[in-house]
Amino acid sequence: MPRDIRRVVTGHTADGRSTFVYDGIAANVRIPRDEPEVAMTDLWVTREAPASNAGVADAADYPMALAPPARGTVFRIVELPPDARRSFSNLEHLDGVQARAAGKRHPGFHKTHTVDYIVVLEGEVWALVDTGEVLLRRGDCLVQRGTSHAWSNRSDKPVLLAGVLVDAQPA
């Protein structure tokens, strides 16, 4: 069962003073139909650059896709169980993902047209690319720049990742 992620969002009052506009459990959670232990929770989405700070509408309240909107960003928390408990069928059903290439050494290989800033919050995960792999632990950061990649959780515990995905030109 995916964990609840508390989200606090600031904004402005009608007279321009800062205020809290949201404080609660983030509601935009996607759990792939064939992988009930995988969860993606979108906390905020921007649809342009520079981003707008106007209004109080919930920017994460939209149909979820893996990639951010064109010229936009998505701030997301991802929970991945150990590989041994995954079916890896979910990537085929996500918008914005290029199909996995046959023959890759991990079934989760995929590619998006994004720059991703990833921080490991809990656990450990292997980041895989075509030419190698590296183990990331709590507090480690990765900048993923539109490459073919996969995440491999070889431990016996879930890993929790925070990421900001930024729309980018194809590599």
C-alpha atoms as a PDB file:
ATOM      1  CA  MET A   1       0.000   0.000   0.000  1.00  0.00           C
ATOM      2  CA  PRO A   2       1.555   3.332  -1.022  1.00  0.00           C
ATOM      3  CA  ARG A   3       2.286   5.805   1.713  1.00  0.00           C
ATOM      4  CA  ASP A   4       0.452   9.088   2.142  1.00  0.00           C
ATOM      5  CA  ILE A   5       2.532  12.114   1.139  1.00  0.00           C
ATOM      6  CA  ARG A   6       1.755  15.366   2.938  1.00  0.00           C
ATOM      7  CA  ARG A   7       1.838  18.396   0.658  1.00  0.00           C
ATOM      8  CA  VAL A   8       1.987  22.010   1.840  1.00  0.00           C
ATOM      9  CA  VAL A   9       1.595  24.726  -0.807  1.00  0.00           C
ATOM     10  CA  THR A  10       1.894  28.466  -0.329  1.00  0.00           C
ATOM     11  CA  GLY A  11       0.106  31.209  -2.230  1.00  0.00           C
ATOM     12  CA  HIS A  12      -1.166  34.763  -1.905  1.00  0.00           C
ATOM     13  CA  THR A  13      -4.224  36.382  -0.381  1.00  0.00           C
ATOM     14  CA  ALA A  14      -6.300  38.834  -2.389  1.00  0.00           C
ATOM     15  CA  ASP A  15      -4.289  41.697  -0.844  1.00  0.00           C
ATOM     16  CA  GLY A  16      -0.929  40.103  -1.767  1.00  0.00           C
ATOM     17  CA  ARG A  17       0.064  38.603   1.581  1.00  0.00           C
ATOM     18  CA  SER A  18       1.627  35.143   1.704  1.00  0.00           C
ATOM     19  CA  THR A  19      -0.547  32.305   2.948  1.00  0.00           C
ATOM     20  CA  PHE A  20      -0.859  28.525   2.989  1.00  0.00           C
ATOM     21  CA  VAL A  21      -3.396  27.368   0.399  1.00  0.00           C
ATOM     22  CA  TYR A  22      -3.012  23.588   0.769  1.00  0.00           C
ATOM     23  CA  ASP A  23      -1.929  21.418   3.682  1.00  0.00           C
ATOM     24  CA  GLY A  24      -2.914  17.785   3.498  1.00  0.00           C
ATOM     25  CA  ILE A  25      -2.382  14.451   1.835  1.00  0.00           C
ATOM     26  CA  ALA A  26      -1.570  14.807  -1.869  1.00  0.00           C
ATOM     27  CA  ALA A  27      -4.502  13.438  -3.840  1.00  0.00           C
ATOM     28  CA  ASN A  28      -3.064  12.891  -7.341  1.00  0.00           C
ATOM     29  CA  VAL A  29      -1.664   9.384  -6.935  1.00  0.00           C
ATOM     30  CA  ARG A  30      -1.263   6.865  -9.725  1.00  0.00           C
ATOM     31  CA  ILE A  31      -0.928   3.183  -8.917  1.00  0.00           C
ATOM     32  CA  PRO A  32      -0.402   1.126 -12.084  1.00  0.00           C
ATOM     33  CA  ARG A  33      -3.118  -1.495 -12.455  1.00  0.00           C
ATOM     34  CA  ASP A  34      -0.670  -4.405 -12.554  1.00  0.00           C
ATOM     35  CA  GLU A  35       1.715  -3.087  -9.887  1.00  0.00           C
ATOM     36  CA  PRO A  36      -0.138  -2.196  -6.680  1.00  0.00           C
ATOM     37  CA  GLU A  37       3.097  -1.491  -4.782  1.00  0.00           C
ATOM     38  CA  VAL A  38       4.311   1.176  -7.235  1.00  0.00           C
ATOM     39  CA  ALA A  39       3.009   4.674  -6.554  1.00  0.00           C
ATOM     40  CA  MET A  40       3.581   8.010  -8.243  1.00  0.00           C
ATOM     41  CA  THR A  41       2.311  11.057  -6.354  1.00  0.00           C
ATOM     42  CA  ASP A  42       2.298  14.364  -8.205  1.00  0.00           C
ATOM     43  CA  LEU A  43       2.704  17.323  -5.859  1.00  0.00           C
ATOM     44  CA  TRP A  44       2.775  20.221  -8.339  1.00  0.00           C
ATOM     45  CA  VAL A  45       2.817  20.785 -12.091  1.00  0.00           C
ATOM     46  CA  THR A  46       3.780  23.820 -14.144  1.00  0.00           C
ATOM     47  CA  ARG A  47       2.699  24.295 -17.735  1.00  0.00           C
ATOM     48  CA  GLU A  48       4.998  27.100 -18.859  1.00  0.00           C
ATOM     49  CA  ALA A  49       8.303  28.812 -18.186  1.00  0.00           C
ATOM     50  CA  PRO A  50       8.517  31.061 -16.418  1.00  0.00           C
ATOM     51  CA  ALA A  51       5.913  29.416 -14.210  1.00  0.00           C
ATOM     52  CA  SER A  52       2.905  31.299 -12.907  1.00  0.00           C
ATOM     53  CA  ASN A  53       2.372  31.836  -9.181  1.00  0.00           C
ATOM     54  CA  ALA A  54      -1.094  33.355  -9.676  1.00  0.00           C
ATOM     55  CA  GLY A  55      -4.284  31.882  -8.285  1.00  0.00           C
ATOM     56  CA  VAL A  56      -4.946  29.037  -5.878  1.00  0.00           C
ATOM     57  CA  ALA A  57      -6.039  26.250  -8.246  1.00  0.00           C
ATOM     58  CA  ASP A  58      -4.465  22.871  -7.509  1.00  0.00           C
ATOM     59  CA  ALA A  59      -1.882  22.532 -10.287  1.00  0.00           C
ATOM     60  CA  ALA A  60      -1.463  18.812  -9.572  1.00  0.00           C
ATOM     61  CA  ASP A  61      -5.156  18.094 -10.193  1.00  0.00           C
ATOM     62  CA  TYR A  62      -4.902  16.779 -13.762  1.00  0.00           C
ATOM     63  CA  PRO A  63      -4.764  13.414 -15.568  1.00  0.00           C
ATOM     64  CA  MET A  64      -1.323  12.067 -14.718  1.00  0.00           C
ATOM     65  CA  ALA A  65       1.250  11.281 -17.399  1.00  0.00           C
ATOM     66  CA  LEU A  66       4.847  10.260 -16.860  1.00  0.00           C
ATOM     67  CA  ALA A  67       6.285  13.276 -18.668  1.00  0.00           C
ATOM     68  CA  PRO A  68       5.543  16.886 -17.709  1.00  0.00           C
ATOM     69  CA  PRO A  69       3.465  19.136 -19.975  1.00  0.00           C
ATOM     70  CA  ALA A  70       5.237  20.788 -22.908  1.00  0.00           C
ATOM     71  CA  ARG A  71       7.454  23.605 -21.528  1.00  0.00           C
ATOM     72  CA  GLY A  72       6.470  22.522 -18.011  1.00  0.00           C
ATOM     73  CA  THR A  73       7.574  20.581 -14.953  1.00  0.00           C
ATOM     74  CA  VAL A  74       6.195  18.019 -12.543  1.00  0.00           C
ATOM     75  CA  PHE A  75       7.250  17.526  -8.914  1.00  0.00           C
ATOM     76  CA  ARG A  76       6.691  13.864  -8.057  1.00  0.00           C
ATOM     77  CA  ILE A  77       7.326  11.312  -5.314  1.00  0.00           C
ATOM     78  CA  VAL A  78       7.825   7.727  -6.531  1.00  0.00           C
ATOM     79  CA  GLU A  79       7.712   4.640  -4.339  1.00  0.00           C
ATOM     80  CA  LEU A  80       9.249   1.495  -5.848  1.00  0.00           C
ATOM     81  CA  PRO A  81       9.109  -1.919  -4.207  1.00  0.00           C
ATOM     82  CA  PRO A  82      11.916  -4.440  -4.646  1.00  0.00           C
ATOM     83  CA  ASP A  83      12.317  -5.680  -8.240  1.00  0.00           C
ATOM     84  CA  ALA A  84      11.378  -9.185  -7.083  1.00  0.00           C
ATOM     85  CA  ARG A  85       7.820  -7.967  -6.393  1.00  0.00           C
ATOM     86  CA  ARG A  86       7.325  -5.993  -9.653  1.00  0.00           C
ATOM     87  CA  SER A  87       5.723  -7.015 -12.930  1.00  0.00           C
ATOM     88  CA  PHE A  88       7.175  -4.087 -14.967  1.00  0.00           C
ATOM     89  CA  SER A  89       4.038  -3.920 -17.104  1.00  0.00           C
ATOM     90  CA  ASN A  90       3.186  -0.336 -16.147  1.00  0.00           C
ATOM     91  CA  LEU A  91       5.622   1.509 -18.434  1.00  0.00           C
ATOM     92  CA  GLU A  92       3.723   0.419 -21.519  1.00  0.00           C
ATOM     93  CA  HIS A  93       0.635   2.232 -20.255  1.00  0.00           C
ATOM     94  CA  LEU A  94       2.167   5.592 -19.339  1.00  0.00           C
ATOM     95  CA  ASP A  95       1.925   8.614 -21.602  1.00  0.00           C
ATOM     96  CA  GLY A  96       5.202  10.239 -22.594  1.00  0.00           C
ATOM     97  CA  VAL A  97       7.322   7.078 -22.460  1.00  0.00           C
ATOM     98  CA  GLN A  98       9.188   5.755 -25.452  1.00  0.00           C
ATOM     99  CA  ALA A  99       8.857   1.986 -25.715  1.00  0.00           C
ATOM    100  CA  ARG A 100      11.495  -0.150 -24.084  1.00  0.00           C
ATOM    101  CA  ALA A 101      14.104  -1.494 -26.440  1.00  0.00           C
ATOM    102  CA  ALA A 102      14.203  -5.271 -26.785  1.00  0.00           C
ATOM    103  CA  GLY A 103      17.241  -6.925 -25.279  1.00  0.00           C
ATOM    104  CA  LYS A 104      17.857  -4.411 -22.480  1.00  0.00           C
ATOM    105  CA  ARG A 105      19.227  -5.983 -19.321  1.00  0.00           C
ATOM    106  CA  HIS A 106      16.362  -4.658 -17.168  1.00  0.00           C
ATOM    107  CA  PRO A 107      12.652  -4.698 -18.069  1.00  0.00           C
ATOM    108  CA  GLY A 108      12.130  -1.173 -16.711  1.00  0.00           C
ATOM    109  CA  PHE A 109      14.289   0.583 -19.328  1.00  0.00           C
ATOM    110  CA  HIS A 110      12.531   3.623 -20.782  1.00  0.00           C
ATOM    111  CA  LYS A 111      13.277   7.068 -22.173  1.00  0.00           C
ATOM    112  CA  THR A 112      11.535  10.418 -21.882  1.00  0.00           C
ATOM    113  CA  HIS A 113      12.322  13.856 -23.282  1.00  0.00           C
ATOM    114  CA  THR A 114      13.048  15.372 -19.884  1.00  0.00           C
ATOM    115  CA  VAL A 115      15.749  16.518 -17.532  1.00  0.00           C
ATOM    116  CA  ASP A 116      15.018  14.825 -14.197  1.00  0.00           C
ATOM    117  CA  TYR A 117      16.395  15.924 -10.831  1.00  0.00           C
ATOM    118  CA  ILE A 118      16.164  12.883  -8.543  1.00  0.00           C
ATOM    119  CA  VAL A 119      16.836  12.655  -4.779  1.00  0.00           C
ATOM    120  CA  VAL A 120      16.747   9.370  -2.864  1.00  0.00           C
ATOM    121  CA  LEU A 121      14.637   9.996   0.259  1.00  0.00           C
ATOM    122  CA  GLU A 122      14.642   6.457   1.677  1.00  0.00           C
ATOM    123  CA  GLY A 123      16.280   3.182   0.765  1.00  0.00           C
ATOM    124  CA  GLU A 124      18.631   2.499  -2.110  1.00  0.00           C
ATOM    125  CA  VAL A 125      18.227   2.011  -5.838  1.00  0.00           C
ATOM    126  CA  TRP A 126      20.450   1.215  -8.799  1.00  0.00           C
ATOM    127  CA  ALA A 127      20.320   3.761 -11.635  1.00  0.00           C
ATOM    128  CA  LEU A 128      20.950   1.939 -14.910  1.00  0.00           C
ATOM    129  CA  VAL A 129      21.915   3.390 -18.290  1.00  0.00           C
ATOM    130  CA  ASP A 130      23.010   1.635 -21.470  1.00  0.00           C
ATOM    131  CA  THR A 131      26.685   1.588 -20.489  1.00  0.00           C
ATOM    132  CA  GLY A 132      26.596   0.948 -16.748  1.00  0.00           C
ATOM    133  CA  GLU A 133      24.931   1.372 -13.387  1.00  0.00           C
ATOM    134  CA  VAL A 134      25.461   3.169 -10.085  1.00  0.00           C
ATOM    135  CA  LEU A 135      24.046   2.558  -6.600  1.00  0.00           C
ATOM    136  CA  LEU A 136      22.220   5.549  -5.093  1.00  0.00           C
ATOM    137  CA  ARG A 137      21.491   5.744  -1.362  1.00  0.00           C
ATOM    138  CA  ARG A 138      19.531   8.094   0.884  1.00  0.00           C
ATOM    139  CA  GLY A 139      20.544  11.686   0.185  1.00  0.00           C
ATOM    140  CA  ASP A 140      22.187  10.922  -3.162  1.00  0.00           C
ATOM    141  CA  CYS A 141      21.109  12.969  -6.179  1.00  0.00           C
ATOM    142  CA  LEU A 142      21.015  12.142  -9.870  1.00  0.00           C
ATOM    143  CA  VAL A 143      20.463  14.376 -12.896  1.00  0.00           C
ATOM    144  CA  GLN A 144      18.937  12.228 -15.651  1.00  0.00           C
ATOM    145  CA  ARG A 145      19.269  14.004 -19.011  1.00  0.00           C
ATOM    146  CA  GLY A 146      16.959  12.339 -21.522  1.00  0.00           C
ATOM    147  CA  THR A 147      18.815   9.022 -21.509  1.00  0.00           C
ATOM    148  CA  SER A 148      17.540   5.496 -21.803  1.00  0.00           C
ATOM    149  CA  HIS A 149      17.440   4.418 -18.155  1.00  0.00           C
ATOM    150  CA  ALA A 150      15.891   2.156 -15.544  1.00  0.00           C
ATOM    151  CA  TRP A 151      15.542   1.965 -11.779  1.00  0.00           C
ATOM    152  CA  SER A 152      16.420  -1.326 -10.102  1.00  0.00           C
ATOM    153  CA  ASN A 153      15.552  -1.875  -6.446  1.00  0.00           C
ATOM    154  CA  ARG A 154      17.632  -4.930  -5.541  1.00  0.00           C
ATOM    155  CA  SER A 155      16.994  -4.611  -1.815  1.00  0.00           C
ATOM    156  CA  ASP A 156      14.157  -6.138   0.203  1.00  0.00           C
ATOM    157  CA  LYS A 157      12.632  -2.734   1.118  1.00  0.00           C
ATOM    158  CA  PRO A 158      10.807  -0.067  -0.887  1.00  0.00           C
ATOM    159  CA  VAL A 159      12.733   2.966  -2.118  1.00  0.00           C
ATOM    160  CA  LEU A 160      11.273   6.469  -2.031  1.00  0.00           C
ATOM    161  CA  LEU A 161      12.434   8.982  -4.651  1.00  0.00           C
ATOM    162  CA  ALA A 162      11.638  12.665  -5.086  1.00  0.00           C
ATOM    163  CA  GLY A 163      11.944  14.052  -8.565  1.00  0.00           C
ATOM    164  CA  VAL A 164      11.393  17.169 -10.586  1.00  0.00           C
ATOM    165  CA  LEU A 165      10.876  16.346 -14.265  1.00  0.00           C
ATOM    166  CA  VAL A 166      11.479  19.219 -16.682  1.00  0.00           C
ATOM    167  CA  ASP A 167      10.307  19.113 -20.304  1.00  0.00           C
ATOM    168  CA  ALA A 168      13.348  19.025 -22.613  1.00  0.00           C
ATOM    169  CA  GLN A 169      14.359  18.738 -26.234  1.00  0.00           C
ATOM    170  CA  PRO A 170      15.016  15.164 -27.399  1.00  0.00           C
ATOM    171  CA  ALA A 171      18.637  14.105 -26.922  1.00  0.00           C
END
